């Protein structure tokens, strides 16, 4: 089933506060990411290797302040 902007299965993190987060979906073999507060603004996509590197960096604390 396709949803807004043609991505499949938009979902938010269980850690999100409901409105201050991003949503992730799939378009073809790519990850699609959009802002929950501004869904009509569009999204960006990342290839599988790019997405895996990003998730690994987040889990590794690279972006912790």
N, C-alpha and C. Protein backbone atom coordinates (compact mmCIF):
# COMPACT_ATOMS: atom_id res chain seq x y z
N UNK A 1 0.84 -1.17 0.00
CA UNK A 1 0.00 0.00 0.00
C UNK A 1 0.88 1.23 0.00
N UNK A 2 0.67 2.12 -0.92
CA UNK A 2 1.43 3.37 -0.98
C UNK A 2 0.69 4.45 -0.21
N UNK A 3 1.45 5.34 0.42
CA UNK A 3 0.86 6.43 1.18
C UNK A 3 1.32 7.75 0.58
N UNK A 4 1.10 8.84 1.31
CA UNK A 4 1.49 10.17 0.83
C UNK A 4 2.93 10.18 0.33
N UNK A 5 3.15 10.80 -0.79
CA UNK A 5 4.46 10.93 -1.43
C UNK A 5 5.00 9.61 -1.95
N UNK A 6 4.17 8.58 -2.03
CA UNK A 6 4.59 7.33 -2.65
C UNK A 6 5.43 6.41 -1.79
N UNK A 7 5.66 6.73 -0.55
CA UNK A 7 6.47 5.85 0.31
C UNK A 7 5.58 4.79 0.95
N UNK A 8 6.17 3.70 1.32
CA UNK A 8 5.45 2.62 1.98
C UNK A 8 5.69 2.67 3.49
N UNK A 9 4.61 2.41 4.22
CA UNK A 9 4.71 2.13 5.65
C UNK A 9 5.46 3.18 6.47
N UNK A 10 5.05 4.43 6.40
CA UNK A 10 5.65 5.45 7.24
C UNK A 10 5.47 5.04 8.70
N UNK A 11 6.50 5.21 9.51
CA UNK A 11 6.41 4.88 10.93
C UNK A 11 7.30 5.81 11.73
N UNK A 12 6.96 5.98 13.00
CA UNK A 12 7.76 6.80 13.89
C UNK A 12 8.41 5.91 14.94
N UNK A 13 9.42 6.43 15.56
CA UNK A 13 10.12 5.70 16.61
C UNK A 13 9.24 5.59 17.85
N UNK A 14 9.36 4.48 18.55
CA UNK A 14 8.63 4.32 19.82
C UNK A 14 9.21 5.25 20.88
N UNK A 15 10.38 5.82 20.63
CA UNK A 15 11.01 6.74 21.57
C UNK A 15 10.57 8.19 21.34
N UNK A 16 9.82 8.44 20.29
CA UNK A 16 9.44 9.82 19.98
C UNK A 16 8.36 10.31 20.92
N UNK A 17 8.25 11.63 20.99
CA UNK A 17 7.22 12.25 21.81
C UNK A 17 5.91 12.42 21.06
N UNK A 18 5.81 11.89 19.88
CA UNK A 18 4.59 11.98 19.10
C UNK A 18 4.60 13.06 18.06
N UNK A 19 5.19 14.22 18.34
CA UNK A 19 5.19 15.31 17.36
C UNK A 19 6.59 15.82 17.05
N UNK A 20 7.56 15.54 17.86
CA UNK A 20 8.92 16.05 17.65
C UNK A 20 9.83 14.93 17.19
N UNK A 21 9.54 14.42 16.02
CA UNK A 21 10.35 13.30 15.55
C UNK A 21 10.31 13.25 14.02
N UNK A 22 10.91 12.24 13.50
CA UNK A 22 10.88 11.99 12.07
C UNK A 22 10.14 10.69 11.82
N UNK A 23 9.69 10.53 10.60
CA UNK A 23 9.06 9.28 10.17
C UNK A 23 9.95 8.65 9.12
N UNK A 24 9.99 7.34 9.10
CA UNK A 24 10.80 6.61 8.14
C UNK A 24 9.87 5.71 7.33
N UNK A 25 10.09 5.66 6.03
CA UNK A 25 9.34 4.78 5.15
C UNK A 25 10.27 4.15 4.13
N UNK A 26 9.71 3.47 3.15
CA UNK A 26 10.51 2.82 2.11
C UNK A 26 10.02 3.27 0.74
N UNK A 27 10.95 3.58 -0.13
CA UNK A 27 10.66 3.82 -1.54
C UNK A 27 11.63 2.97 -2.33
N UNK A 28 11.12 1.97 -2.98
CA UNK A 28 12.01 1.03 -3.66
C UNK A 28 12.94 0.40 -2.64
N UNK A 29 14.21 0.40 -2.91
CA UNK A 29 15.20 -0.14 -1.99
C UNK A 29 15.83 0.92 -1.11
N UNK A 30 15.20 2.09 -1.00
CA UNK A 30 15.79 3.20 -0.25
C UNK A 30 14.94 3.53 0.97
N UNK A 31 15.59 4.07 1.99
CA UNK A 31 14.88 4.58 3.16
C UNK A 31 14.46 6.01 2.87
N UNK A 32 13.23 6.35 3.22
CA UNK A 32 12.72 7.71 3.06
C UNK A 32 12.49 8.29 4.45
N UNK A 33 12.86 9.56 4.64
CA UNK A 33 12.75 10.20 5.95
C UNK A 33 12.06 11.54 5.79
N UNK A 34 11.10 11.83 6.70
CA UNK A 34 10.40 13.12 6.67
C UNK A 34 10.14 13.61 8.09
N UNK A 35 9.87 14.89 8.21
CA UNK A 35 9.57 15.53 9.48
C UNK A 35 8.10 15.30 9.82
N UNK A 36 7.83 14.78 10.99
CA UNK A 36 6.46 14.52 11.41
C UNK A 36 5.62 15.79 11.45
N UNK A 37 6.23 16.91 11.83
CA UNK A 37 5.48 18.16 11.95
C UNK A 37 5.21 18.83 10.62
N UNK A 38 5.91 18.43 9.56
CA UNK A 38 5.77 19.08 8.27
C UNK A 38 5.83 18.04 7.15
N UNK A 39 4.90 17.13 7.17
CA UNK A 39 4.91 16.02 6.21
C UNK A 39 4.80 16.47 4.76
N UNK A 40 4.10 17.57 4.51
CA UNK A 40 3.93 18.02 3.12
C UNK A 40 5.19 18.65 2.55
N UNK A 41 6.19 18.91 3.38
CA UNK A 41 7.44 19.51 2.90
C UNK A 41 8.26 18.53 2.07
N UNK A 42 7.92 17.26 2.14
CA UNK A 42 8.65 16.27 1.37
C UNK A 42 9.53 15.40 2.25
N UNK A 43 10.47 14.75 1.62
CA UNK A 43 11.32 13.79 2.32
C UNK A 43 12.65 13.68 1.58
N UNK A 44 13.60 13.02 2.21
CA UNK A 44 14.83 12.68 1.51
C UNK A 44 14.99 11.17 1.57
N UNK A 45 15.81 10.63 0.70
CA UNK A 45 16.04 9.19 0.70
C UNK A 45 17.52 8.89 0.90
N UNK A 46 17.77 7.70 1.38
CA UNK A 46 19.14 7.22 1.57
C UNK A 46 19.21 5.78 1.08
N UNK A 47 20.32 5.42 0.48
CA UNK A 47 20.52 4.04 0.05
C UNK A 47 20.66 3.14 1.28
N UNK A 48 20.56 1.85 1.08
CA UNK A 48 20.70 0.91 2.19
C UNK A 48 22.04 1.07 2.93
N UNK A 49 23.18 1.19 2.23
CA UNK A 49 24.45 1.39 2.95
C UNK A 49 24.50 2.73 3.70
N UNK A 50 23.95 3.79 3.10
CA UNK A 50 23.92 5.09 3.79
C UNK A 50 23.07 5.01 5.05
N UNK A 51 21.91 4.39 4.94
CA UNK A 51 21.01 4.27 6.09
C UNK A 51 21.66 3.43 7.19
N UNK A 52 22.30 2.34 6.83
CA UNK A 52 22.97 1.47 7.81
C UNK A 52 24.08 2.24 8.54
N UNK A 53 24.84 3.05 7.80
CA UNK A 53 25.90 3.84 8.42
C UNK A 53 25.32 4.88 9.37
N UNK A 54 24.22 5.52 8.99
CA UNK A 54 23.57 6.50 9.85
C UNK A 54 23.06 5.85 11.13
N UNK A 55 22.34 4.75 11.00
CA UNK A 55 21.80 4.06 12.18
C UNK A 55 22.93 3.60 13.10
N UNK A 56 24.00 3.09 12.54
CA UNK A 56 25.15 2.67 13.34
C UNK A 56 25.75 3.86 14.11
N UNK A 57 25.85 5.00 13.45
CA UNK A 57 26.40 6.21 14.10
C UNK A 57 25.49 6.67 15.23
N UNK A 58 24.17 6.62 15.02
CA UNK A 58 23.23 7.01 16.08
C UNK A 58 23.36 6.07 17.27
N UNK A 59 23.36 4.77 17.00
CA UNK A 59 23.48 3.79 18.08
C UNK A 59 24.81 3.90 18.81
N UNK A 60 25.85 4.32 18.10
CA UNK A 60 27.17 4.48 18.69
C UNK A 60 27.37 5.78 19.44
N UNK A 61 26.34 6.64 19.45
CA UNK A 61 26.42 7.88 20.21
C UNK A 61 27.13 9.02 19.50
N UNK A 62 27.36 8.88 18.21
CA UNK A 62 28.12 9.90 17.47
C UNK A 62 27.46 11.28 17.52
N UNK A 63 26.14 11.33 17.62
CA UNK A 63 25.44 12.61 17.58
C UNK A 63 24.99 13.09 18.96
N UNK A 64 25.39 12.39 20.00
CA UNK A 64 25.04 12.82 21.36
C UNK A 64 25.78 14.10 21.71
N UNK A 65 25.09 14.99 22.33
CA UNK A 65 25.67 16.30 22.66
C UNK A 65 26.31 16.30 23.94
